[in-house]
Amino acid sequence: NVRFKPLPENVENFRELVKDFTDASRAEEGNIFFEWSRSLE
């Protein structure tokens, strides 16, 4: 579990910014899940 605090100008488009990283991680042989959520608090 990892918590990220992007720069203020990157908060809204953060998932787009990490798309390549996300796709590469999900493609790893041992990956079961790799899911992003925005904090409610």
PDB file of all heavy atoms in Angstrom:
ATOM      1  N   ASN A   1       0.856  -1.187   0.000  1.00  0.00           N
ATOM      2  CA  ASN A   1       0.000   0.000   0.000  1.00  0.00           C
ATOM      3  C   ASN A   1       0.887   1.229   0.000  1.00  0.00           C
ATOM      4  O   ASN A   1       1.810   1.325   0.806  1.00  0.00           O
ATOM      5  CB  ASN A   1      -0.892   0.030   1.250  1.00  0.00           C
ATOM      6  CG  ASN A   1      -1.839  -1.140   1.280  1.00  0.00           C
ATOM      7  OD1 ASN A   1      -2.706  -1.253   0.450  1.00  0.00           O
ATOM      8  ND2 ASN A   1      -1.643  -2.017   2.247  1.00  0.00           N
ATOM      9  N   VAL A   2       0.583   2.158  -0.906  1.00  0.00           N
ATOM     10  CA  VAL A   2       1.396   3.364  -1.027  1.00  0.00           C
ATOM     11  C   VAL A   2       0.467   4.569  -1.121  1.00  0.00           C
ATOM     12  O   VAL A   2      -0.537   4.535  -1.836  1.00  0.00           O
ATOM     13  CB  VAL A   2       2.283   3.304  -2.291  1.00  0.00           C
ATOM     14  CG1 VAL A   2       3.209   4.499  -2.353  1.00  0.00           C
ATOM     15  CG2 VAL A   2       3.071   2.008  -2.350  1.00  0.00           C
ATOM     16  N   ARG A   3       0.835   5.632  -0.413  1.00  0.00           N
ATOM     17  CA  ARG A   3       0.082   6.887  -0.467  1.00  0.00           C
ATOM     18  C   ARG A   3       0.909   7.902  -1.235  1.00  0.00           C
ATOM     19  O   ARG A   3       2.090   8.090  -0.952  1.00  0.00           O
ATOM     20  CB  ARG A   3      -0.210   7.376   0.937  1.00  0.00           C
ATOM     21  CG  ARG A   3      -1.091   6.408   1.703  1.00  0.00           C
ATOM     22  CD  ARG A   3      -1.149   6.746   3.151  1.00  0.00           C
ATOM     23  NE  ARG A   3      -1.937   7.945   3.328  1.00  0.00           N
ATOM     24  CZ  ARG A   3      -2.611   8.237   4.423  1.00  0.00           C
ATOM     25  NH1 ARG A   3      -2.586   7.398   5.436  1.00  0.00           N
ATOM     26  NH2 ARG A   3      -3.295   9.340   4.515  1.00  0.00           N
ATOM     27  N   PHE A   4       0.295   8.544  -2.233  1.00  0.00           N
ATOM     28  CA  PHE A   4       0.967   9.541  -3.060  1.00  0.00           C
ATOM     29  C   PHE A   4       0.299  10.894  -2.885  1.00  0.00           C
ATOM     30  O   PHE A   4      -0.922  10.986  -2.904  1.00  0.00           O
ATOM     31  CB  PHE A   4       0.854   9.171  -4.548  1.00  0.00           C
ATOM     32  CG  PHE A   4       1.711   8.016  -4.958  1.00  0.00           C
ATOM     33  CD1 PHE A   4       1.236   6.717  -4.850  1.00  0.00           C
ATOM     34  CD2 PHE A   4       2.971   8.228  -5.466  1.00  0.00           C
ATOM     35  CE1 PHE A   4       2.019   5.644  -5.246  1.00  0.00           C
ATOM     36  CE2 PHE A   4       3.763   7.161  -5.862  1.00  0.00           C
ATOM     37  CZ  PHE A   4       3.284   5.874  -5.748  1.00  0.00           C
ATOM     38  N   LYS A   5       1.112  11.929  -2.742  1.00  0.00           N
ATOM     39  CA  LYS A   5       0.625  13.304  -2.738  1.00  0.00           C
ATOM     40  C   LYS A   5       1.270  14.016  -3.922  1.00  0.00           C
ATOM     41  O   LYS A   5       2.378  14.534  -3.816  1.00  0.00           O
ATOM     42  CB  LYS A   5       0.975  14.011  -1.434  1.00  0.00           C
ATOM     43  CG  LYS A   5       0.047  13.680  -0.313  1.00  0.00           C
ATOM     44  CD  LYS A   5       0.153  14.705   0.774  1.00  0.00           C
ATOM     45  CE  LYS A   5      -1.190  14.752   1.443  1.00  0.00           C
ATOM     46  NZ  LYS A   5      -1.500  16.008   2.015  1.00  0.00           N
ATOM     47  N   PRO A   6       0.597  14.013  -5.072  1.00  0.00           N
ATOM     48  CA  PRO A   6       1.163  14.680  -6.237  1.00  0.00           C
ATOM     49  C   PRO A   6       1.259  16.190  -6.021  1.00  0.00           C
ATOM     50  O   PRO A   6       0.602  16.746  -5.127  1.00  0.00           O
ATOM     51  CB  PRO A   6       0.162  14.388  -7.348  1.00  0.00           C
ATOM     52  CG  PRO A   6      -0.769  13.361  -6.822  1.00  0.00           C
ATOM     53  CD  PRO A   6      -0.687  13.416  -5.337  1.00  0.00           C
ATOM     54  N   LEU A   7       2.048  16.831  -6.843  1.00  0.00           N
ATOM     55  CA  LEU A   7       2.078  18.286  -6.837  1.00  0.00           C
ATOM     56  C   LEU A   7       0.665  18.787  -7.112  1.00  0.00           C
ATOM     57  O   LEU A   7      -0.105  18.135  -7.827  1.00  0.00           O
ATOM     58  CB  LEU A   7       3.024  18.802  -7.919  1.00  0.00           C
ATOM     59  CG  LEU A   7       4.498  18.460  -7.736  1.00  0.00           C
ATOM     60  CD1 LEU A   7       5.293  18.852  -8.980  1.00  0.00           C
ATOM     61  CD2 LEU A   7       5.054  19.158  -6.504  1.00  0.00           C
ATOM     62  N   PRO A   8       0.289  19.924  -6.554  1.00  0.00           N
ATOM     63  CA  PRO A   8      -1.087  20.416  -6.713  1.00  0.00           C
ATOM     64  C   PRO A   8      -1.564  20.449  -8.164  1.00  0.00           C
ATOM     65  O   PRO A   8      -2.716  20.115  -8.448  1.00  0.00           O
ATOM     66  CB  PRO A   8      -1.039  21.822  -6.107  1.00  0.00           C
ATOM     67  CG  PRO A   8       0.068  21.745  -5.102  1.00  0.00           C
ATOM     68  CD  PRO A   8       1.085  20.819  -5.701  1.00  0.00           C
ATOM     69  N   GLU A   9      -0.692  20.811  -9.073  1.00  0.00           N
ATOM     70  CA  GLU A   9      -1.094  20.901 -10.480  1.00  0.00           C
ATOM     71  C   GLU A   9      -1.269  19.526 -11.143  1.00  0.00           C
ATOM     72  O   GLU A   9      -1.776  19.433 -12.262  1.00  0.00           O
ATOM     73  CB  GLU A   9      -0.098  21.744 -11.288  1.00  0.00           C
ATOM     74  CG  GLU A   9       1.298  21.181 -11.337  1.00  0.00           C
ATOM     75  CD  GLU A   9       2.226  21.669 -10.237  1.00  0.00           C
ATOM     76  OE1 GLU A   9       1.756  22.129  -9.175  1.00  0.00           O
ATOM     77  OE2 GLU A   9       3.448  21.577 -10.442  1.00  0.00           O
ATOM     78  N   ASN A  10      -0.884  18.448 -10.449  1.00  0.00           N
ATOM     79  CA  ASN A  10      -0.990  17.099 -11.008  1.00  0.00           C
ATOM     80  C   ASN A  10      -2.048  16.225 -10.345  1.00  0.00           C
ATOM     81  O   ASN A  10      -2.211  15.064 -10.723  1.00  0.00           O
ATOM     82  CB  ASN A  10       0.363  16.384 -10.921  1.00  0.00           C
ATOM     83  CG  ASN A  10       1.403  17.039 -11.783  1.00  0.00           C
ATOM     84  OD1 ASN A  10       1.101  17.612 -12.824  1.00  0.00           O
ATOM     85  ND2 ASN A  10       2.649  16.970 -11.364  1.00  0.00           N
ATOM     86  N   VAL A  11      -2.769  16.753  -9.380  1.00  0.00           N
ATOM     87  CA  VAL A  11      -3.738  15.936  -8.643  1.00  0.00           C
ATOM     88  C   VAL A  11      -4.853  15.422  -9.547  1.00  0.00           C
ATOM     89  O   VAL A  11      -5.184  14.240  -9.536  1.00  0.00           O
ATOM     90  CB  VAL A  11      -4.334  16.722  -7.448  1.00  0.00           C
ATOM     91  CG1 VAL A  11      -5.492  15.970  -6.812  1.00  0.00           C
ATOM     92  CG2 VAL A  11      -3.262  17.002  -6.415  1.00  0.00           C
ATOM     93  N   GLU A  12      -5.424  16.286 -10.359  1.00  0.00           N
ATOM     94  CA  GLU A  12      -6.572  15.893 -11.179  1.00  0.00           C
ATOM     95  C   GLU A  12      -6.200  14.957 -12.321  1.00  0.00           C
ATOM     96  O   GLU A  12      -6.994  14.117 -12.711  1.00  0.00           O
ATOM     97  CB  GLU A  12      -7.292  17.129 -11.722  1.00  0.00           C
ATOM     98  CG  GLU A  12      -7.918  17.991 -10.639  1.00  0.00           C
ATOM     99  CD  GLU A  12      -8.923  17.227  -9.776  1.00  0.00           C
ATOM    100  OE1 GLU A  12      -9.667  16.383 -10.306  1.00  0.00           O
ATOM    101  OE2 GLU A  12      -8.953  17.468  -8.552  1.00  0.00           O
ATOM    102  N   ASN A  13      -4.999  15.079 -12.872  1.00  0.00           N
ATOM    103  CA  ASN A  13      -4.598  14.241 -13.999  1.00  0.00           C
ATOM    104  C   ASN A  13      -3.568  13.187 -13.582  1.00  0.00           C
ATOM    105  O   ASN A  13      -2.884  12.611 -14.425  1.00  0.00           O
ATOM    106  CB  ASN A  13      -4.054  15.088 -15.142  1.00  0.00           C
ATOM    107  CG  ASN A  13      -2.759  15.794 -14.802  1.00  0.00           C
ATOM    108  OD1 ASN A  13      -2.489  16.093 -13.648  1.00  0.00           O
ATOM    109  ND2 ASN A  13      -1.962  16.073 -15.807  1.00  0.00           N
ATOM    110  N   PHE A  14      -3.497  12.889 -12.290  1.00  0.00           N
ATOM    111  CA  PHE A  14      -2.487  11.970 -11.763  1.00  0.00           C
ATOM    112  C   PHE A  14      -2.554  10.592 -12.420  1.00  0.00           C
ATOM    113  O   PHE A  14      -1.540  10.023 -12.795  1.00  0.00           O
ATOM    114  CB  PHE A  14      -2.625  11.854 -10.241  1.00  0.00           C
ATOM    115  CG  PHE A  14      -1.569  11.003  -9.613  1.00  0.00           C
ATOM    116  CD1 PHE A  14      -0.258  11.420  -9.564  1.00  0.00           C
ATOM    117  CD2 PHE A  14      -1.891   9.767  -9.068  1.00  0.00           C
ATOM    118  CE1 PHE A  14       0.736  10.634  -8.988  1.00  0.00           C
ATOM    119  CE2 PHE A  14      -0.915   8.975  -8.486  1.00  0.00           C
ATOM    120  CZ  PHE A  14       0.397   9.416  -8.447  1.00  0.00           C
ATOM    121  N   ARG A  15      -3.751  10.050 -12.589  1.00  0.00           N
ATOM    122  CA  ARG A  15      -3.864   8.700 -13.189  1.00  0.00           C
ATOM    123  C   ARG A  15      -3.322   8.683 -14.610  1.00  0.00           C
ATOM    124  O   ARG A  15      -2.736   7.695 -15.027  1.00  0.00           O
ATOM    125  CB  ARG A  15      -5.298   8.220 -13.140  1.00  0.00           C
ATOM    126  CG  ARG A  15      -5.680   7.916 -11.685  1.00  0.00           C
ATOM    127  CD  ARG A  15      -6.878   7.097 -11.533  1.00  0.00           C
ATOM    128  NE  ARG A  15      -6.795   5.873 -12.303  1.00  0.00           N
ATOM    129  CZ  ARG A  15      -7.771   4.989 -12.353  1.00  0.00           C
ATOM    130  NH1 ARG A  15      -8.875   5.191 -11.690  1.00  0.00           N
ATOM    131  NH2 ARG A  15      -7.656   3.900 -13.059  1.00  0.00           N
ATOM    132  N   GLU A  16      -3.502   9.754 -15.350  1.00  0.00           N
ATOM    133  CA  GLU A  16      -2.921   9.838 -16.695  1.00  0.00           C
ATOM    134  C   GLU A  16      -1.396   9.856 -16.609  1.00  0.00           C
ATOM    135  O   GLU A  16      -0.719   9.232 -17.433  1.00  0.00           O
ATOM    136  CB  GLU A  16      -3.406  11.091 -17.408  1.00  0.00           C
ATOM    137  CG  GLU A  16      -4.879  11.106 -17.715  1.00  0.00           C
ATOM    138  CD  GLU A  16      -5.355  12.466 -18.187  1.00  0.00           C
ATOM    139  OE1 GLU A  16      -4.560  13.190 -18.814  1.00  0.00           O
ATOM    140  OE2 GLU A  16      -6.514  12.795 -17.920  1.00  0.00           O
ATOM    141  N   LEU A  17      -0.865  10.558 -15.622  1.00  0.00           N
ATOM    142  CA  LEU A  17       0.579  10.681 -15.476  1.00  0.00           C
ATOM    143  C   LEU A  17       1.241   9.354 -15.098  1.00  0.00           C
ATOM    144  O   LEU A  17       2.402   9.128 -15.427  1.00  0.00           O
ATOM    145  CB  LEU A  17       0.918  11.739 -14.424  1.00  0.00           C
ATOM    146  CG  LEU A  17       0.519  13.165 -14.773  1.00  0.00           C
ATOM    147  CD1 LEU A  17       0.737  14.087 -13.576  1.00  0.00           C
ATOM    148  CD2 LEU A  17       1.284  13.666 -15.986  1.00  0.00           C
ATOM    149  N   VAL A  18       0.522   8.483 -14.409  1.00  0.00           N
ATOM    150  CA  VAL A  18       1.094   7.199 -13.977  1.00  0.00           C
ATOM    151  C   VAL A  18       0.605   6.020 -14.828  1.00  0.00           C
ATOM    152  O   VAL A  18       0.835   4.865 -14.477  1.00  0.00           O
ATOM    153  CB  VAL A  18       0.813   6.936 -12.471  1.00  0.00           C
ATOM    154  CG1 VAL A  18       1.479   7.990 -11.610  1.00  0.00           C
ATOM    155  CG2 VAL A  18      -0.679   6.861 -12.188  1.00  0.00           C
ATOM    156  N   LYS A  19      -0.032   6.313 -15.950  1.00  0.00           N
ATOM    157  CA  LYS A  19      -0.594   5.252 -16.790  1.00  0.00           C
ATOM    158  C   LYS A  19       0.470   4.263 -17.274  1.00  0.00           C
ATOM    159  O   LYS A  19       0.263   3.046 -17.185  1.00  0.00           O
ATOM    160  CB  LYS A  19      -1.332   5.836 -17.979  1.00  0.00           C
ATOM    161  CG  LYS A  19      -2.008   4.759 -18.830  1.00  0.00           C
ATOM    162  CD  LYS A  19      -2.756   5.344 -19.990  1.00  0.00           C
ATOM    163  CE  LYS A  19      -3.461   4.332 -20.844  1.00  0.00           C
ATOM    164  NZ  LYS A  19      -3.011   2.971 -20.851  1.00  0.00           N
ATOM    165  N   ASP A  20       1.596   4.724 -17.779  1.00  0.00           N
ATOM    166  CA  ASP A  20       2.628   3.811 -18.277  1.00  0.00           C
ATOM    167  C   ASP A  20       3.161   2.921 -17.154  1.00  0.00           C
ATOM    168  O   ASP A  20       3.339   1.713 -17.325  1.00  0.00           O
ATOM    169  CB  ASP A  20       3.778   4.578 -18.924  1.00  0.00           C
ATOM    170  CG  ASP A  20       3.377   5.221 -20.240  1.00  0.00           C
ATOM    171  OD1 ASP A  20       2.342   4.832 -20.824  1.00  0.00           O
ATOM    172  OD2 ASP A  20       4.104   6.132 -20.696  1.00  0.00           O
ATOM    173  N   PHE A  21       3.402   3.518 -15.992  1.00  0.00           N
ATOM    174  CA  PHE A  21       3.858   2.770 -14.815  1.00  0.00           C
ATOM    175  C   PHE A  21       2.810   1.733 -14.406  1.00  0.00           C
ATOM    176  O   PHE A  21       3.126   0.576 -14.119  1.00  0.00           O
ATOM    177  CB  PHE A  21       4.134   3.770 -13.690  1.00  0.00           C
ATOM    178  CG  PHE A  21       4.272   3.175 -12.324  1.00  0.00           C
ATOM    179  CD1 PHE A  21       5.325   2.332 -12.019  1.00  0.00           C
ATOM    180  CD2 PHE A  21       3.356   3.475 -11.329  1.00  0.00           C
ATOM    181  CE1 PHE A  21       5.462   1.793 -10.741  1.00  0.00           C
ATOM    182  CE2 PHE A  21       3.492   2.948 -10.053  1.00  0.00           C
ATOM    183  CZ  PHE A  21       4.545   2.104  -9.770  1.00  0.00           C
ATOM    184  N   THR A  22       1.553   2.141 -14.396  1.00  0.00           N
ATOM    185  CA  THR A  22       0.458   1.249 -14.019  1.00  0.00           C
ATOM    186  C   THR A  22       0.358   0.078 -14.995  1.00  0.00           C
ATOM    187  O   THR A  22       0.278  -1.091 -14.584  1.00  0.00           O
ATOM    188  CB  THR A  22      -0.868   2.026 -13.972  1.00  0.00           C
ATOM    189  OG1 THR A  22      -0.754   3.068 -12.985  1.00  0.00           O
ATOM    190  CG2 THR A  22      -2.037   1.132 -13.633  1.00  0.00           C
ATOM    191  N   ASP A  23       0.356   0.379 -16.287  1.00  0.00           N
ATOM    192  CA  ASP A  23       0.245  -0.671 -17.301  1.00  0.00           C
ATOM    193  C   ASP A  23       1.414  -1.649 -17.217  1.00  0.00           C
ATOM    194  O   ASP A  23       1.224  -2.863 -17.305  1.00  0.00           O
ATOM    195  CB  ASP A  23       0.180  -0.058 -18.702  1.00  0.00           C
ATOM    196  CG  ASP A  23      -1.111   0.710 -18.946  1.00  0.00           C
ATOM    197  OD1 ASP A  23      -2.077   0.555 -18.169  1.00  0.00           O
ATOM    198  OD2 ASP A  23      -1.148   1.477 -19.927  1.00  0.00           O
ATOM    199  N   ALA A  24       2.626  -1.130 -17.047  1.00  0.00           N
ATOM    200  CA  ALA A  24       3.810  -1.997 -16.951  1.00  0.00           C
ATOM    201  C   ALA A  24       3.735  -2.877 -15.709  1.00  0.00           C
ATOM    202  O   ALA A  24       4.064  -4.069 -15.757  1.00  0.00           O
ATOM    203  CB  ALA A  24       5.078  -1.150 -16.937  1.00  0.00           C
ATOM    204  N   SER A  25       3.297  -2.328 -14.604  1.00  0.00           N
ATOM    205  CA  SER A  25       3.192  -3.105 -13.365  1.00  0.00           C
ATOM    206  C   SER A  25       2.126  -4.187 -13.466  1.00  0.00           C
ATOM    207  O   SER A  25       2.328  -5.322 -13.024  1.00  0.00           O
ATOM    208  CB  SER A  25       2.892  -2.181 -12.185  1.00  0.00           C
ATOM    209  OG  SER A  25       3.952  -1.271 -12.001  1.00  0.00           O
ATOM    210  N   ARG A  26       0.992  -3.851 -14.059  1.00  0.00           N
ATOM    211  CA  ARG A  26      -0.086  -4.837 -14.226  1.00  0.00           C
ATOM    212  C   ARG A  26       0.329  -5.974 -15.156  1.00  0.00           C
ATOM    213  O   ARG A  26      -0.198  -7.080 -15.040  1.00  0.00           O
ATOM    214  CB  ARG A  26      -1.339  -4.154 -14.763  1.00  0.00           C
ATOM    215  CG  ARG A  26      -2.036  -3.308 -13.720  1.00  0.00           C
ATOM    216  CD  ARG A  26      -3.230  -2.608 -14.284  1.00  0.00           C
ATOM    217  NE  ARG A  26      -3.948  -1.889 -13.238  1.00  0.00           N
ATOM    218  CZ  ARG A  26      -4.870  -0.970 -13.469  1.00  0.00           C
ATOM    219  NH1 ARG A  26      -5.202  -0.660 -14.716  1.00  0.00           N
ATOM    220  NH2 ARG A  26      -5.461  -0.363 -12.465  1.00  0.00           N
ATOM    221  N   ALA A  27       1.253  -5.707 -16.058  1.00  0.00           N
ATOM    222  CA  ALA A  27       1.702  -6.726 -17.018  1.00  0.00           C
ATOM    223  C   ALA A  27       2.755  -7.673 -16.433  1.00  0.00           C
ATOM    224  O   ALA A  27       3.085  -8.679 -17.055  1.00  0.00           O
ATOM    225  CB  ALA A  27       2.263  -6.044 -18.265  1.00  0.00           C
ATOM    226  N   GLU A  28       3.269  -7.369 -15.250  1.00  0.00           N
ATOM    227  CA  GLU A  28       4.280  -8.226 -14.638  1.00  0.00           C
ATOM    228  C   GLU A  28       3.691  -9.603 -14.334  1.00  0.00           C
ATOM    229  O   GLU A  28       2.533  -9.718 -13.921  1.00  0.00           O
ATOM    230  CB  GLU A  28       4.805  -7.585 -13.350  1.00  0.00           C
ATOM    231  CG  GLU A  28       5.601  -6.325 -13.608  1.00  0.00           C
ATOM    232  CD  GLU A  28       6.031  -5.637 -12.330  1.00  0.00           C
ATOM    233  OE1 GLU A  28       5.903  -6.232 -11.244  1.00  0.00           O
ATOM    234  OE2 GLU A  28       6.483  -4.491 -12.422  1.00  0.00           O
ATOM    235  N   GLU A  29       4.493 -10.623 -14.522  1.00  0.00           N
ATOM    236  CA  GLU A  29       4.036 -12.004 -14.379  1.00  0.00           C
ATOM    237  C   GLU A  29       3.396 -12.284 -13.017  1.00  0.00           C
ATOM    238  O   GLU A  29       2.379 -12.959 -12.925  1.00  0.00           O
ATOM    239  CB  GLU A  29       5.209 -12.955 -14.601  1.00  0.00           C
ATOM    240  CG  GLU A  29       4.811 -14.401 -14.534  1.00  0.00           C
ATOM    241  CD  GLU A  29       5.980 -15.334 -14.781  1.00  0.00           C
ATOM    242  OE1 GLU A  29       6.909 -14.945 -15.504  1.00  0.00           O
ATOM    243  OE2 GLU A  29       5.950 -16.444 -14.241  1.00  0.00           O
ATOM    244  N   GLY A  30       3.962 -11.783 -11.949  1.00  0.00           N
ATOM    245  CA  GLY A  30       3.462 -12.089 -10.614  1.00  0.00           C
ATOM    246  C   GLY A  30       2.415 -11.132 -10.077  1.00  0.00           C
ATOM    247  O   GLY A  30       1.970 -11.255  -8.940  1.00  0.00           O
ATOM    248  N   ASN A  31       1.972 -10.179 -10.905  1.00  0.00           N
ATOM    249  CA  ASN A  31       0.996  -9.201 -10.444  1.00  0.00           C
ATOM    250  C   ASN A  31      -0.389  -9.821 -10.348  1.00  0.00           C
ATOM    251  O   ASN A  31      -0.843 -10.508 -11.255  1.00  0.00           O
ATOM    252  CB  ASN A  31       0.963  -7.999 -11.392  1.00  0.00           C
ATOM    253  CG  ASN A  31      -0.038  -6.957 -10.944  1.00  0.00           C
ATOM    254  OD1 ASN A  31      -1.163  -6.944 -11.409  1.00  0.00           O
ATOM    255  ND2 ASN A  31       0.376  -6.120 -10.038  1.00  0.00           N
ATOM    256  N   ILE A  32      -1.073  -9.592  -9.233  1.00  0.00           N
ATOM    257  CA  ILE A  32      -2.453 -10.044  -9.036  1.00  0.00           C
ATOM    258  C   ILE A  32      -3.405  -8.872  -9.236  1.00  0.00           C
ATOM    259  O   ILE A  32      -4.426  -8.981  -9.896  1.00  0.00           O
ATOM    260  CB  ILE A  32      -2.636 -10.668  -7.638  1.00  0.00           C
ATOM    261  CG1 ILE A  32      -1.715 -11.877  -7.491  1.00  0.00           C
ATOM    262  CG2 ILE A  32      -4.094 -11.052  -7.409  1.00  0.00           C
ATOM    263  CD1 ILE A  32      -1.635 -12.409  -6.077  1.00  0.00           C
ATOM    264  N   PHE A  33      -3.076  -7.729  -8.634  1.00  0.00           N
ATOM    265  CA  PHE A  33      -3.862  -6.508  -8.834  1.00  0.00           C
ATOM    266  C   PHE A  33      -2.987  -5.295  -8.574  1.00  0.00           C
ATOM    267  O   PHE A  33      -1.970  -5.371  -7.885  1.00  0.00           O
ATOM    268  CB  PHE A  33      -5.126  -6.483  -7.972  1.00  0.00           C
ATOM    269  CG  PHE A  33      -4.877  -6.656  -6.494  1.00  0.00           C
ATOM    270  CD1 PHE A  33      -4.551  -5.581  -5.696  1.00  0.00           C
ATOM    271  CD2 PHE A  33      -4.979  -7.907  -5.908  1.00  0.00           C
ATOM    272  CE1 PHE A  33      -4.318  -5.743  -4.334  1.00  0.00           C
ATOM    273  CE2 PHE A  33      -4.754  -8.087  -4.555  1.00  0.00           C
ATOM    274  CZ  PHE A  33      -4.424  -6.993  -3.766  1.00  0.00           C
ATOM    275  N   PHE A  34      -3.394  -4.167  -9.140  1.00  0.00           N
ATOM    276  CA  PHE A  34      -2.653  -2.917  -9.042  1.00  0.00           C
ATOM    277  C   PHE A  34      -3.693  -1.822  -9.225  1.00  0.00           C
ATOM    278  O   PHE A  34      -4.077  -1.484 -10.348  1.00  0.00           O
ATOM    279  CB  PHE A  34      -1.595  -2.878 -10.161  1.00  0.00           C
ATOM    280  CG  PHE A  34      -0.537  -1.841  -9.984  1.00  0.00           C
ATOM    281  CD1 PHE A  34       0.630  -2.142  -9.300  1.00  0.00           C
ATOM    282  CD2 PHE A  34      -0.692  -0.577 -10.517  1.00  0.00           C
ATOM    283  CE1 PHE A  34       1.631  -1.188  -9.150  1.00  0.00           C
ATOM    284  CE2 PHE A  34       0.296   0.375 -10.377  1.00  0.00           C
ATOM    285  CZ  PHE A  34       1.458   0.069  -9.696  1.00  0.00           C
ATOM    286  N   GLU A  35      -4.231  -1.309  -8.124  1.00  0.00           N
ATOM    287  CA  GLU A  35      -5.403  -0.439  -8.172  1.00  0.00           C
ATOM    288  C   GLU A  35      -5.170   0.916  -7.497  1.00  0.00           C
ATOM    289  O   GLU A  35      -4.656   0.979  -6.382  1.00  0.00           O
ATOM    290  CB  GLU A  35      -6.590  -1.125  -7.498  1.00  0.00           C
ATOM    291  CG  GLU A  35      -6.996  -2.432  -8.133  1.00  0.00           C
ATOM    292  CD  GLU A  35      -7.510  -2.277  -9.551  1.00  0.00           C
ATOM    293  OE1 GLU A  35      -8.100  -1.221  -9.875  1.00  0.00           O
ATOM    294  OE2 GLU A  35      -7.318  -3.208 -10.344  1.00  0.00           O
ATOM    295  N   TRP A  36      -5.560   1.970  -8.186  1.00  0.00           N
ATOM    296  CA  TRP A  36      -5.486   3.330  -7.659  1.00  0.00           C
ATOM    297  C   TRP A  36      -6.846   3.750  -7.119  1.00  0.00           C
ATOM    298  O   TRP A  36      -7.875   3.438  -7.705  1.00  0.00           O
ATOM    299  CB  TRP A  36      -5.122   4.313  -8.770  1.00  0.00           C
ATOM    300  CG  TRP A  36      -3.736   4.176  -9.275  1.00  0.00           C
ATOM    301  CD1 TRP A  36      -3.330   3.538 -10.420  1.00  0.00           C
ATOM    302  CD2 TRP A  36      -2.557   4.695  -8.673  1.00  0.00           C
ATOM    303  NE1 TRP A  36      -1.975   3.634 -10.561  1.00  0.00           N
ATOM    304  CE2 TRP A  36      -1.471   4.342  -9.500  1.00  0.00           C
ATOM    305  CE3 TRP A  36      -2.303   5.416  -7.515  1.00  0.00           C
ATOM    306  CZ2 TRP A  36      -0.167   4.691  -9.208  1.00  0.00           C
ATOM    307  CZ3 TRP A  36      -1.010   5.767  -7.221  1.00  0.00           C
ATOM    308  CH2 TRP A  36       0.045   5.409  -8.057  1.00  0.00           C
ATOM    309  N   SER A  37      -6.835   4.505  -6.023  1.00  0.00           N
ATOM    310  CA  SER A  37      -8.037   5.123  -5.469  1.00  0.00           C
ATOM    311  C   SER A  37      -7.684   6.511  -4.983  1.00  0.00           C
ATOM    312  O   SER A  37      -6.566   6.748  -4.513  1.00  0.00           O
ATOM    313  CB  SER A  37      -8.585   4.319  -4.285  1.00  0.00           C
ATOM    314  OG  SER A  37      -8.952   3.033  -4.691  1.00  0.00           O
ATOM    315  N   ARG A  38      -8.633   7.382  -5.065  1.00  0.00           N
ATOM    316  CA  ARG A  38      -8.425   8.721  -4.527  1.00  0.00           C
ATOM    317  C   ARG A  38      -8.935   8.739  -3.092  1.00  0.00           C
ATOM    318  O   ARG A  38     -10.020   8.224  -2.798  1.00  0.00           O
ATOM    319  CB  ARG A  38      -9.174   9.750  -5.359  1.00  0.00           C
ATOM    320  CG  ARG A  38      -8.729  11.152  -5.062  1.00  0.00           C
ATOM    321  CD  ARG A  38      -9.056  12.042  -6.211  1.00  0.00           C
ATOM    322  NE  ARG A  38      -8.626  13.392  -5.927  1.00  0.00           N
ATOM    323  CZ  ARG A  38      -8.902  14.413  -6.692  1.00  0.00           C
ATOM    324  NH1 ARG A  38      -9.613  14.234  -7.786  1.00  0.00           N
ATOM    325  NH2 ARG A  38      -8.483  15.607  -6.378  1.00  0.00           N
ATOM    326  N   SER A  39      -8.148   9.308  -2.205  1.00  0.00           N
ATOM    327  CA  SER A  39      -8.524   9.363  -0.807  1.00  0.00           C
ATOM    328  C   SER A  39      -9.821  10.156  -0.622  1.00  0.00           C
ATOM    329  O   SER A  39     -10.002  11.217  -1.228  1.00  0.00           O
ATOM    330  CB  SER A  39      -7.400  10.027   0.004  1.00  0.00           C
ATOM    331  OG  SER A  39      -7.814  10.246   1.329  1.00  0.00           O
ATOM    332  N   LEU A  40     -10.706   9.647   0.203  1.00  0.00           N
ATOM    333  CA  LEU A  40     -11.944  10.361   0.506  1.00  0.00           C
ATOM    334  C   LEU A  40     -11.714  11.472   1.516  1.00  0.00           C
ATOM    335  O   LEU A  40     -12.408  12.483   1.509  1.00  0.00           O
ATOM    336  CB  LEU A  40     -12.994   9.382   1.043  1.00  0.00           C
ATOM    337  CG  LEU A  40     -13.454   8.309   0.066  1.00  0.00           C
ATOM    338  CD1 LEU A  40     -14.390   7.329   0.766  1.00  0.00           C
ATOM    339  CD2 LEU A  40     -14.118   8.925  -1.147  1.00  0.00           C
ATOM    340  N   GLU A  41     -10.741  11.291   2.397  1.00  0.00           N
ATOM    341  CA  GLU A  41     -10.465  12.281   3.434  1.00  0.00           C
ATOM    342  C   GLU A  41      -9.537  13.395   2.960  1.00  0.00           C
ATOM    343  O   GLU A  41      -9.661  14.532   3.379  1.00  0.00           O
ATOM    344  CB  GLU A  41      -9.847  11.624   4.675  1.00  0.00           C
ATOM    345  CG  GLU A  41     -10.810  10.805   5.490  1.00  0.00           C
ATOM    346  CD  GLU A  41     -10.882   9.363   5.014  1.00  0.00           C
ATOM    347  OE1 GLU A  41      -9.895   8.879   4.438  1.00  0.00           O
ATOM    348  OE2 GLU A  41     -11.934   8.734   5.205  1.00  0.00           O
TER     349      GLU A  41
END
